[in-house]
Amino acid sequence: MPSIPGSGLAKGLAVTLRTMTRKSVTHQYPEALPKLPPRTRGVIGLFEENCTVCMLCARECPDWCIYIDSHKETVPAAAPGGRERSRNVLDRFAIDFSLCMYCGICIEVCPFDALFWSPEFEYAETDIRELTHERDKLREWMWTVPEPPALDPGAEEPKEIGAARKAAEKAEKLAAAQRQEQAQAPGREPEQEGGE
């Protein structure tokens, strides 16, 4: 069946007229901030206290946009006669957001939970060289990271929490048994350590 000339134009104009009468759904961004979903990928925040400078995030980054510098410090022995230990101290932690593709691999591979997604998204710069953010700025973004969602009431308890709870209960039972034992023998003096 041949089409009537100009019918496509008429259909297009009909759609235009229909949408002209509807209310606009445009958000006036600078004045009205958007409501972001809880798992928004904005920028990466650094919780510096948890970072052990293991370099896993920098090694696994497909864009090589994480720069880490560190030095070793000697920690004195915890007990007399013990060995001194050395530990890495973080000097520089920077992420070049002009290269980052927001894949989240660095956050996933961090074994010590030092990196987190922040919903912060307003960090535009006029110069691309200013998109390399150092640890002070990453630390600042850490405080915008939302609390994790509450566990489902029917969910299984995490193994770590269950193990910690059982260890605490066991320690409490041992302490209670020792207190009871000391209460039953009032005439006995507590034993001195060293066993002379």
N, C-alpha and C. Protein backbone atom coordinates (compact mmCIF):
# COMPACT_ATOMS: atom_id res chain seq x y z
N MET A 1 0.85 -1.18 0.00
CA MET A 1 0.00 0.00 0.00
C MET A 1 0.89 1.23 0.00
N PRO A 2 0.73 2.11 -0.94
CA PRO A 2 1.56 3.31 -1.01
C PRO A 2 1.19 4.27 0.11
N SER A 3 2.21 4.93 0.68
CA SER A 3 1.95 5.89 1.76
C SER A 3 1.60 7.26 1.19
N ILE A 4 0.85 8.00 1.92
CA ILE A 4 0.43 9.33 1.50
C ILE A 4 1.61 10.27 1.69
N PRO A 5 1.93 11.08 0.71
CA PRO A 5 3.06 11.99 0.86
C PRO A 5 2.83 12.96 2.03
N GLY A 6 3.86 13.10 2.85
CA GLY A 6 3.79 14.02 3.98
C GLY A 6 3.22 13.41 5.25
N SER A 7 2.86 12.10 5.22
CA SER A 7 2.27 11.48 6.42
C SER A 7 3.30 11.36 7.54
N GLY A 8 4.57 11.11 7.19
CA GLY A 8 5.63 11.03 8.21
C GLY A 8 5.82 12.35 8.91
N LEU A 9 5.76 13.42 8.16
CA LEU A 9 5.89 14.76 8.74
C LEU A 9 4.72 15.06 9.67
N ALA A 10 3.53 14.64 9.27
CA ALA A 10 2.34 14.87 10.10
C ALA A 10 2.43 14.09 11.41
N LYS A 11 2.93 12.84 11.35
CA LYS A 11 3.09 12.04 12.57
C LYS A 11 4.10 12.68 13.52
N GLY A 12 5.21 13.16 12.96
CA GLY A 12 6.23 13.81 13.77
C GLY A 12 5.71 15.06 14.45
N LEU A 13 4.95 15.87 13.71
CA LEU A 13 4.38 17.08 14.30
C LEU A 13 3.34 16.76 15.37
N ALA A 14 2.61 15.65 15.18
CA ALA A 14 1.62 15.24 16.18
C ALA A 14 2.32 14.88 17.50
N VAL A 15 3.45 14.18 17.41
CA VAL A 15 4.21 13.84 18.62
C VAL A 15 4.71 15.12 19.29
N THR A 16 5.20 16.06 18.49
CA THR A 16 5.69 17.33 19.04
C THR A 16 4.58 18.08 19.76
N LEU A 17 3.42 18.16 19.17
CA LEU A 17 2.29 18.86 19.80
C LEU A 17 1.84 18.16 21.08
N ARG A 18 1.86 16.83 21.09
CA ARG A 18 1.47 16.08 22.29
C ARG A 18 2.43 16.36 23.45
N THR A 19 3.73 16.37 23.17
CA THR A 19 4.71 16.57 24.25
C THR A 19 4.82 18.03 24.67
N MET A 20 4.40 18.97 23.84
CA MET A 20 4.44 20.38 24.21
C MET A 20 3.48 20.69 25.35
N THR A 21 2.40 19.93 25.46
CA THR A 21 1.39 20.20 26.48
C THR A 21 1.70 19.52 27.82
N ARG A 22 2.66 18.61 27.84
CA ARG A 22 3.01 17.92 29.08
C ARG A 22 3.97 18.76 29.92
N LYS A 23 3.98 18.46 31.23
CA LYS A 23 4.89 19.15 32.15
C LYS A 23 6.32 18.68 31.90
N SER A 24 7.27 19.59 31.97
CA SER A 24 8.68 19.27 31.77
C SER A 24 9.24 18.48 32.95
N VAL A 25 10.12 17.52 32.68
CA VAL A 25 10.73 16.72 33.74
C VAL A 25 12.19 17.11 33.96
N THR A 26 12.60 18.25 33.41
CA THR A 26 13.97 18.70 33.55
C THR A 26 14.24 19.14 34.98
N HIS A 27 15.34 18.70 35.55
CA HIS A 27 15.74 19.13 36.89
C HIS A 27 16.67 20.33 36.75
N GLN A 28 16.44 21.34 37.52
CA GLN A 28 17.30 22.53 37.47
C GLN A 28 18.51 22.25 38.35
N TYR A 29 19.54 21.62 37.75
CA TYR A 29 20.64 21.03 38.50
C TYR A 29 21.35 21.93 39.51
N PRO A 30 21.89 23.04 39.18
CA PRO A 30 22.66 23.72 40.24
C PRO A 30 21.81 24.13 41.43
N GLU A 31 20.55 24.48 41.19
CA GLU A 31 19.69 24.91 42.30
C GLU A 31 19.12 23.71 43.05
N ALA A 32 18.71 22.68 42.32
CA ALA A 32 18.11 21.48 42.93
C ALA A 32 19.06 20.31 42.71
N LEU A 33 19.69 19.85 43.78
CA LEU A 33 20.62 18.74 43.67
C LEU A 33 19.86 17.43 43.47
N PRO A 34 20.39 16.53 42.65
CA PRO A 34 19.69 15.26 42.41
C PRO A 34 19.76 14.34 43.62
N LYS A 35 18.73 13.49 43.74
CA LYS A 35 18.73 12.47 44.80
C LYS A 35 19.42 11.25 44.21
N LEU A 36 20.60 10.93 44.74
CA LEU A 36 21.41 9.87 44.17
C LEU A 36 21.07 8.51 44.77
N PRO A 37 21.17 7.44 44.00
CA PRO A 37 20.95 6.09 44.56
C PRO A 37 22.04 5.77 45.58
N PRO A 38 21.79 4.84 46.51
CA PRO A 38 22.75 4.57 47.58
C PRO A 38 24.10 4.04 47.10
N ARG A 39 24.16 3.36 45.97
CA ARG A 39 25.43 2.79 45.51
C ARG A 39 26.01 3.58 44.33
N THR A 40 25.84 4.88 44.35
CA THR A 40 26.33 5.74 43.28
C THR A 40 27.86 5.70 43.22
N ARG A 41 28.39 5.62 42.00
CA ARG A 41 29.83 5.67 41.81
C ARG A 41 30.22 7.09 41.45
N GLY A 42 30.64 7.84 42.43
CA GLY A 42 31.08 9.21 42.18
C GLY A 42 32.60 9.24 42.08
N VAL A 43 33.26 9.45 43.20
CA VAL A 43 34.72 9.43 43.24
C VAL A 43 35.15 8.41 44.29
N ILE A 44 36.44 8.20 44.39
CA ILE A 44 36.98 7.21 45.32
C ILE A 44 37.53 7.93 46.54
N GLY A 45 37.06 7.54 47.72
CA GLY A 45 37.54 8.12 48.96
C GLY A 45 38.57 7.19 49.60
N LEU A 46 39.56 7.78 50.27
CA LEU A 46 40.65 7.02 50.91
C LEU A 46 40.54 7.11 52.41
N PHE A 47 40.47 5.95 53.08
CA PHE A 47 40.54 5.88 54.54
C PHE A 47 41.98 5.52 54.88
N GLU A 48 42.78 6.55 55.08
CA GLU A 48 44.25 6.42 55.16
C GLU A 48 44.72 5.49 56.28
N GLU A 49 44.01 5.45 57.40
CA GLU A 49 44.43 4.61 58.53
C GLU A 49 44.45 3.13 58.18
N ASN A 50 43.60 2.72 57.24
CA ASN A 50 43.53 1.31 56.86
C ASN A 50 44.54 0.92 55.79
N CYS A 51 45.16 1.90 55.14
CA CYS A 51 46.07 1.61 54.04
C CYS A 51 47.41 1.09 54.57
N THR A 52 47.81 -0.09 54.09
CA THR A 52 49.09 -0.69 54.50
C THR A 52 50.13 -0.60 53.39
N VAL A 53 49.85 0.14 52.36
CA VAL A 53 50.73 0.32 51.20
C VAL A 53 51.08 -1.05 50.60
N CYS A 54 50.08 -1.88 50.44
CA CYS A 54 50.30 -3.20 49.82
C CYS A 54 50.40 -3.10 48.31
N MET A 55 49.98 -1.98 47.73
CA MET A 55 50.08 -1.66 46.31
C MET A 55 49.15 -2.50 45.42
N LEU A 56 48.24 -3.26 46.01
CA LEU A 56 47.33 -4.07 45.19
C LEU A 56 46.45 -3.21 44.30
N CYS A 57 45.96 -2.10 44.83
CA CYS A 57 45.08 -1.24 44.04
C CYS A 57 45.81 -0.69 42.82
N ALA A 58 47.05 -0.26 43.01
CA ALA A 58 47.82 0.31 41.89
C ALA A 58 48.18 -0.75 40.87
N ARG A 59 48.48 -1.97 41.34
CA ARG A 59 48.85 -3.05 40.40
C ARG A 59 47.66 -3.53 39.60
N GLU A 60 46.48 -3.58 40.21
CA GLU A 60 45.30 -4.11 39.53
C GLU A 60 44.58 -3.08 38.67
N CYS A 61 44.89 -1.81 38.85
CA CYS A 61 44.20 -0.76 38.09
C CYS A 61 44.49 -0.90 36.60
N PRO A 62 43.46 -1.10 35.77
CA PRO A 62 43.70 -1.27 34.33
C PRO A 62 44.17 0.01 33.64
N ASP A 63 43.92 1.17 34.26
CA ASP A 63 44.32 2.44 33.66
C ASP A 63 45.62 2.99 34.22
N TRP A 64 46.17 2.35 35.24
CA TRP A 64 47.40 2.81 35.90
C TRP A 64 47.25 4.27 36.33
N CYS A 65 46.15 4.57 37.00
CA CYS A 65 45.89 5.95 37.39
C CYS A 65 46.09 6.18 38.89
N ILE A 66 46.57 5.18 39.62
CA ILE A 66 46.81 5.33 41.06
C ILE A 66 48.31 5.42 41.29
N TYR A 67 48.71 6.48 41.99
CA TYR A 67 50.14 6.71 42.26
C TYR A 67 50.37 6.63 43.76
N ILE A 68 51.27 5.73 44.17
CA ILE A 68 51.56 5.53 45.59
C ILE A 68 53.05 5.63 45.82
N ASP A 69 53.45 6.41 46.82
CA ASP A 69 54.84 6.48 47.28
C ASP A 69 54.85 6.17 48.76
N SER A 70 55.88 5.46 49.21
CA SER A 70 55.98 5.12 50.62
C SER A 70 57.44 4.97 51.02
N HIS A 71 57.66 4.85 52.31
CA HIS A 71 59.00 4.54 52.83
C HIS A 71 58.85 3.57 53.99
N LYS A 72 59.93 2.90 54.35
CA LYS A 72 59.89 1.93 55.44
C LYS A 72 60.36 2.58 56.72
N GLU A 73 59.70 2.24 57.81
CA GLU A 73 60.10 2.68 59.15
C GLU A 73 60.31 1.46 60.01
N THR A 74 61.25 1.56 60.94
CA THR A 74 61.50 0.46 61.85
C THR A 74 60.67 0.66 63.11
N VAL A 75 59.95 -0.38 63.48
CA VAL A 75 59.13 -0.36 64.69
C VAL A 75 59.88 -1.11 65.77
N PRO A 76 60.07 -0.52 66.95
CA PRO A 76 60.79 -1.22 68.01
C PRO A 76 60.06 -2.49 68.45
N ALA A 77 60.80 -3.37 69.08
CA ALA A 77 60.24 -4.65 69.53
C ALA A 77 59.15 -4.39 70.56
N ALA A 78 58.08 -5.19 70.50
CA ALA A 78 56.97 -5.03 71.43
C ALA A 78 57.34 -5.52 72.83
N ALA A 79 58.17 -6.55 72.89
CA ALA A 79 58.60 -7.11 74.18
C ALA A 79 60.12 -7.10 74.24
N PRO A 80 60.69 -7.03 75.43
CA PRO A 80 62.15 -7.07 75.54
C PRO A 80 62.69 -8.37 74.94
N GLY A 81 63.74 -8.25 74.17
CA GLY A 81 64.34 -9.41 73.53
C GLY A 81 63.68 -9.77 72.21
N GLY A 82 62.62 -9.06 71.84
CA GLY A 82 61.93 -9.34 70.58
C GLY A 82 62.64 -8.70 69.40
N ARG A 83 62.16 -9.01 68.24
CA ARG A 83 62.76 -8.47 67.01
C ARG A 83 62.10 -7.16 66.62
N GLU A 84 62.92 -6.27 66.04
CA GLU A 84 62.36 -5.06 65.47
C GLU A 84 61.64 -5.43 64.17
N ARG A 85 60.61 -4.69 63.86
CA ARG A 85 59.89 -4.94 62.62
C ARG A 85 59.95 -3.68 61.77
N SER A 86 59.73 -3.86 60.48
CA SER A 86 59.64 -2.70 59.60
C SER A 86 58.24 -2.66 59.02
N ARG A 87 57.76 -1.45 58.80
CA ARG A 87 56.43 -1.28 58.22
C ARG A 87 56.47 -0.17 57.19
N ASN A 88 55.58 -0.25 56.21
CA ASN A 88 55.49 0.77 55.18
C ASN A 88 54.68 1.96 55.69
N VAL A 89 55.14 3.14 55.38
CA VAL A 89 54.43 4.37 55.74
C VAL A 89 54.06 5.09 54.46
N LEU A 90 52.81 5.46 54.34
CA LEU A 90 52.30 6.10 53.14
C LEU A 90 52.79 7.54 53.05
N ASP A 91 53.45 7.88 51.94
CA ASP A 91 53.89 9.25 51.69
C ASP A 91 52.94 9.95 50.72
N ARG A 92 52.55 9.26 49.68
CA ARG A 92 51.68 9.85 48.66
C ARG A 92 50.69 8.82 48.16
N PHE A 93 49.44 9.22 48.05
CA PHE A 93 48.40 8.40 47.44
C PHE A 93 47.59 9.35 46.58
N ALA A 94 47.64 9.18 45.28
CA ALA A 94 46.93 10.07 44.36
C ALA A 94 46.22 9.25 43.30
N ILE A 95 45.09 9.76 42.85
CA ILE A 95 44.33 9.14 41.76
C ILE A 95 44.12 10.19 40.68
N ASP A 96 44.46 9.82 39.45
CA ASP A 96 44.26 10.71 38.31
C ASP A 96 42.88 10.41 37.73
N PHE A 97 41.91 11.26 38.05
CA PHE A 97 40.54 11.03 37.60
C PHE A 97 40.33 11.36 36.12
N SER A 98 41.35 11.92 35.46
CA SER A 98 41.23 12.10 34.02
C SER A 98 41.48 10.78 33.30
N LEU A 99 42.13 9.82 33.98
CA LEU A 99 42.37 8.50 33.40
C LEU A 99 41.40 7.44 33.94
N CYS A 100 40.93 7.63 35.16
CA CYS A 100 40.09 6.63 35.84
C CYS A 100 38.82 6.36 35.04
N MET A 101 38.46 5.07 34.90
CA MET A 101 37.23 4.72 34.20
C MET A 101 36.16 4.23 35.18
N TYR A 102 36.38 4.43 36.48
CA TYR A 102 35.39 4.15 37.52
C TYR A 102 34.92 2.70 37.49
N CYS A 103 35.86 1.78 37.27
CA CYS A 103 35.50 0.36 37.22
C CYS A 103 35.35 -0.23 38.62
N GLY A 104 36.02 0.36 39.61
CA GLY A 104 35.90 -0.12 40.98
C GLY A 104 36.79 -1.30 41.34
N ILE A 105 37.71 -1.68 40.45
CA ILE A 105 38.59 -2.82 40.75
C ILE A 105 39.45 -2.52 41.96
N CYS A 106 39.94 -1.29 42.07
CA CYS A 106 40.81 -0.94 43.21
C CYS A 106 40.07 -1.11 44.53
N ILE A 107 38.80 -0.76 44.56
CA ILE A 107 38.00 -0.89 45.78
C ILE A 107 37.76 -2.35 46.11
N GLU A 108 37.52 -3.16 45.07
CA GLU A 108 37.25 -4.59 45.27
C GLU A 108 38.48 -5.34 45.78
N VAL A 109 39.67 -5.00 45.26
CA VAL A 109 40.86 -5.78 45.62
C VAL A 109 41.51 -5.32 46.91
N CYS A 110 41.13 -4.17 47.44
CA CYS A 110 41.76 -3.68 48.68
C CYS A 110 41.42 -4.61 49.84
N PRO A 111 42.42 -5.31 50.40
CA PRO A 111 42.12 -6.28 51.46
C PRO A 111 41.85 -5.63 52.82
N PHE A 112 42.12 -4.34 52.95
CA PHE A 112 42.00 -3.69 54.26
C PHE A 112 40.93 -2.60 54.30
N ASP A 113 40.05 -2.57 53.30
CA ASP A 113 38.96 -1.58 53.23
C ASP A 113 39.48 -0.16 53.41
N ALA A 114 40.42 0.23 52.57
CA ALA A 114 40.95 1.59 52.62
C ALA A 114 40.32 2.48 51.54
N LEU A 115 39.67 1.88 50.54
CA LEU A 115 39.07 2.65 49.45
C LEU A 115 37.56 2.41 49.42
N PHE A 116 36.82 3.49 49.17
CA PHE A 116 35.36 3.43 49.16
C PHE A 116 34.81 4.31 48.05
N TRP A 117 33.60 3.97 47.57
CA TRP A 117 32.91 4.84 46.62
C TRP A 117 32.26 5.97 47.39
N SER A 118 32.49 7.18 46.94
CA SER A 118 31.81 8.35 47.49
C SER A 118 30.80 8.83 46.45
N PRO A 119 29.63 9.29 46.84
CA PRO A 119 28.67 9.78 45.86
C PRO A 119 29.00 11.18 45.33
N GLU A 120 30.09 11.76 45.79
CA GLU A 120 30.50 13.10 45.35
C GLU A 120 30.77 13.10 43.85
N PHE A 121 30.17 14.03 43.13
CA PHE A 121 30.37 14.07 41.68
C PHE A 121 30.72 15.46 41.18
N GLU A 122 30.75 16.44 42.05
CA GLU A 122 31.05 17.81 41.63
C GLU A 122 32.53 18.11 41.84
N TYR A 123 33.35 17.64 40.94
CA TYR A 123 34.79 17.89 41.08
C TYR A 123 35.40 18.26 39.73
N ALA A 124 34.63 18.95 38.91
CA ALA A 124 35.12 19.36 37.59
C ALA A 124 36.23 20.39 37.75
N GLU A 125 37.17 20.36 36.83
CA GLU A 125 38.28 21.31 36.82
C GLU A 125 38.39 21.92 35.43
N THR A 126 38.99 23.09 35.37
CA THR A 126 39.18 23.73 34.07
C THR A 126 40.45 23.25 33.39
N ASP A 127 41.38 22.68 34.17
CA ASP A 127 42.64 22.17 33.62
C ASP A 127 42.72 20.68 33.93
N ILE A 128 43.01 19.88 32.91
CA ILE A 128 43.05 18.42 33.09
C ILE A 128 44.11 18.00 34.09
N ARG A 129 45.16 18.79 34.24
CA ARG A 129 46.24 18.43 35.18
C ARG A 129 45.79 18.53 36.63
N GLU A 130 44.71 19.25 36.88
CA GLU A 130 44.20 19.39 38.24
C GLU A 130 43.25 18.25 38.63
N LEU A 131 43.03 17.30 37.74
CA LEU A 131 42.18 16.15 38.06
C LEU A 131 42.94 15.04 38.78
N THR A 132 44.23 15.22 39.02
CA THR A 132 44.98 14.29 39.86
C THR A 132 44.82 14.75 41.29
N HIS A 133 44.03 14.02 42.06
CA HIS A 133 43.72 14.42 43.43
C HIS A 133 44.59 13.65 44.41
N GLU A 134 45.22 14.37 45.32
CA GLU A 134 46.12 13.79 46.32
C GLU A 134 45.33 13.27 47.50
N ARG A 135 46.04 12.67 48.45
CA ARG A 135 45.38 11.97 49.55
C ARG A 135 44.56 12.88 50.45
N ASP A 136 44.91 14.17 50.55
CA ASP A 136 44.11 15.08 51.38
C ASP A 136 42.69 15.23 50.82
N LYS A 137 42.60 15.37 49.51
CA LYS A 137 41.29 15.50 48.87
C LYS A 137 40.53 14.17 48.93
N LEU A 138 41.26 13.06 48.72
CA LEU A 138 40.62 11.74 48.80
C LEU A 138 40.11 11.48 50.22
N ARG A 139 40.86 11.96 51.21
CA ARG A 139 40.45 11.82 52.61
C ARG A 139 39.19 12.65 52.89
N GLU A 140 39.15 13.83 52.29
CA GLU A 140 37.99 14.71 52.44
C GLU A 140 36.73 14.03 51.90
N TRP A 141 36.86 13.35 50.75
CA TRP A 141 35.72 12.66 50.16
C TRP A 141 35.28 11.46 50.98
N MET A 142 36.17 10.93 51.80
CA MET A 142 35.84 9.76 52.61
C MET A 142 34.67 10.06 53.54
N TRP A 143 34.56 11.32 53.98
CA TRP A 143 33.49 11.67 54.93
C TRP A 143 32.15 11.81 54.25
N THR A 144 32.10 11.74 52.91
CA THR A 144 30.82 11.78 52.21
C THR A 144 30.30 10.38 51.89
N VAL A 145 31.08 9.36 52.25
CA VAL A 145 30.67 7.97 51.98
C VAL A 145 29.51 7.62 52.91
N PRO A 146 28.38 7.15 52.36
CA PRO A 146 27.23 6.82 53.21
C PRO A 146 27.47 5.55 54.01
N GLU A 147 26.73 5.43 55.10
CA GLU A 147 26.78 4.22 55.92
C GLU A 147 26.31 3.02 55.10
N PRO A 148 26.88 1.84 55.34
CA PRO A 148 26.38 0.67 54.61
C PRO A 148 24.94 0.36 55.00
N PRO A 149 24.17 -0.21 54.09
CA PRO A 149 22.77 -0.52 54.42
C PRO A 149 22.70 -1.59 55.51
N ALA A 150 21.64 -1.54 56.28
CA ALA A 150 21.45 -2.53 57.35
C ALA A 150 21.25 -3.91 56.75
N LEU A 151 21.70 -4.92 57.48
CA LEU A 151 21.53 -6.29 57.02
C LEU A 151 20.06 -6.68 57.07
N ASP A 152 19.67 -7.54 56.18
CA ASP A 152 18.32 -8.08 56.16
C ASP A 152 18.13 -8.90 57.44
N PRO A 153 17.02 -8.72 58.16
CA PRO A 153 16.82 -9.46 59.42
C PRO A 153 16.93 -10.98 59.25
N GLY A 154 16.58 -11.50 58.09
CA GLY A 154 16.64 -12.94 57.87
C GLY A 154 17.98 -13.41 57.31
N ALA A 155 18.92 -12.48 57.14
CA ALA A 155 20.21 -12.83 56.53
C ALA A 155 21.09 -13.61 57.51
N GLU A 156 21.98 -14.39 56.94
CA GLU A 156 22.93 -15.16 57.74
C GLU A 156 23.98 -14.20 58.31
N GLU A 157 24.37 -14.46 59.56
CA GLU A 157 25.37 -13.61 60.20
C GLU A 157 26.72 -13.79 59.53
N PRO A 158 27.47 -12.69 59.28
CA PRO A 158 28.79 -12.85 58.68
C PRO A 158 29.70 -13.70 59.56
N LYS A 159 30.55 -14.52 58.93
CA LYS A 159 31.42 -15.45 59.66
C LYS A 159 32.33 -14.73 60.63
N GLU A 160 32.85 -13.57 60.23
CA GLU A 160 33.78 -12.83 61.08
C GLU A 160 33.11 -12.38 62.37
N ILE A 161 31.86 -11.88 62.24
CA ILE A 161 31.14 -11.41 63.42
C ILE A 161 30.80 -12.58 64.34
N GLY A 162 30.38 -13.70 63.74
CA GLY A 162 30.07 -14.89 64.54
C GLY A 162 31.29 -15.41 65.29
N ALA A 163 32.45 -15.43 64.61
CA ALA A 163 33.68 -15.90 65.26
C ALA A 163 34.08 -14.97 66.39
N ALA A 164 33.98 -13.65 66.16
CA ALA A 164 34.34 -12.68 67.20
C ALA A 164 33.40 -12.80 68.40
N ARG A 165 32.10 -13.00 68.13
CA ARG A 165 31.14 -13.14 69.22
C ARG A 165 31.42 -14.39 70.05
N LYS A 166 31.72 -15.51 69.36
CA LYS A 166 32.02 -16.75 70.09
C LYS A 166 33.30 -16.62 70.92
N ALA A 167 34.32 -15.94 70.37
CA ALA A 167 35.56 -15.73 71.12
C ALA A 167 35.32 -14.87 72.35
N ALA A 168 34.48 -13.84 72.21
CA ALA A 168 34.17 -12.97 73.35
C ALA A 168 33.39 -13.74 74.41
N GLU A 169 32.44 -14.58 73.99
CA GLU A 169 31.67 -15.38 74.95
C GLU A 169 32.58 -16.36 75.69
N LYS A 170 33.51 -16.97 74.96
CA LYS A 170 34.44 -17.92 75.58
C LYS A 170 35.34 -17.21 76.60
N ALA A 171 35.83 -16.02 76.23
CA ALA A 171 36.69 -15.27 77.15
C ALA A 171 35.90 -14.85 78.39
N GLU A 172 34.64 -14.48 78.21
CA GLU A 172 33.80 -14.08 79.34
C GLU A 172 33.54 -15.26 80.27
N LYS A 173 33.31 -16.45 79.71
CA LYS A 173 33.10 -17.65 80.54
C LYS A 173 34.35 -17.98 81.34
N LEU A 174 35.52 -17.89 80.69
CA LEU A 174 36.79 -18.14 81.39
C LEU A 174 36.99 -17.15 82.52
N ALA A 175 36.74 -15.87 82.28
CA ALA A 175 36.90 -14.85 83.31
C ALA A 175 35.92 -15.09 84.46
N ALA A 176 34.68 -15.47 84.13
CA ALA A 176 33.69 -15.74 85.17
C ALA A 176 34.10 -16.95 86.01
N ALA A 177 34.64 -17.98 85.36
CA ALA A 177 35.09 -19.17 86.09
C ALA A 177 36.25 -18.82 87.02
N GLN A 178 37.17 -17.98 86.57
CA GLN A 178 38.30 -17.57 87.42
C GLN A 178 37.83 -16.74 88.59
N ARG A 179 36.87 -15.85 88.38
CA ARG A 179 36.34 -15.04 89.48
C ARG A 179 35.63 -15.93 90.50
N GLN A 180 34.90 -16.92 90.01
CA GLN A 180 34.18 -17.82 90.91
C GLN A 180 35.17 -18.65 91.72
N GLU A 181 36.24 -19.10 91.06
CA GLU A 181 37.26 -19.90 91.73
C GLU A 181 37.95 -19.07 92.82
N GLN A 182 38.23 -17.81 92.54
CA GLN A 182 38.88 -16.95 93.53
C GLN A 182 37.92 -16.64 94.68
N ALA A 183 36.64 -16.54 94.40
CA ALA A 183 35.65 -16.25 95.44
C ALA A 183 35.46 -17.44 96.38
N GLN A 184 35.62 -18.65 95.87
CA GLN A 184 35.43 -19.86 96.69
C GLN A 184 36.61 -20.11 97.61
N ALA A 185 37.78 -19.62 97.26
CA ALA A 185 38.98 -19.82 98.09
C ALA A 185 39.45 -18.47 98.63
N PRO A 186 38.77 -17.91 99.67
CA PRO A 186 39.12 -16.58 100.15
C PRO A 186 40.44 -16.55 100.92
N GLY A 187 40.85 -17.61 101.55
CA GLY A 187 42.07 -17.63 102.35
C GLY A 187 43.32 -17.75 101.49
N ARG A 188 43.15 -18.15 100.24
CA ARG A 188 44.30 -18.36 99.36
C ARG A 188 44.72 -17.04 98.71
N GLU A 189 46.01 -16.76 98.74
CA GLU A 189 46.50 -15.55 98.10
C GLU A 189 46.64 -15.82 96.61
N PRO A 190 46.42 -14.79 95.80
CA PRO A 190 46.58 -14.99 94.36
C PRO A 190 48.04 -15.33 94.03
N GLU A 191 48.21 -16.24 93.08
CA GLU A 191 49.56 -16.67 92.70
C GLU A 191 50.29 -15.55 92.00
N GLN A 192 51.60 -15.44 92.31
CA GLN A 192 52.41 -14.42 91.67
C GLN A 192 52.96 -14.99 90.37
N GLU A 193 53.08 -14.10 89.39
CA GLU A 193 53.65 -14.53 88.11
C GLU A 193 55.15 -14.67 88.27
N GLY A 194 55.74 -15.57 87.56
CA GLY A 194 57.19 -15.79 87.62
C GLY A 194 57.50 -17.08 88.33
N GLY A 195 56.66 -17.53 89.24
CA GLY A 195 56.78 -18.83 89.92
C GLY A 195 58.10 -19.05 90.63
N GLU A 196 58.39 -18.25 91.66
CA GLU A 196 59.63 -18.48 92.41
C GLU A 196 59.45 -19.56 93.43
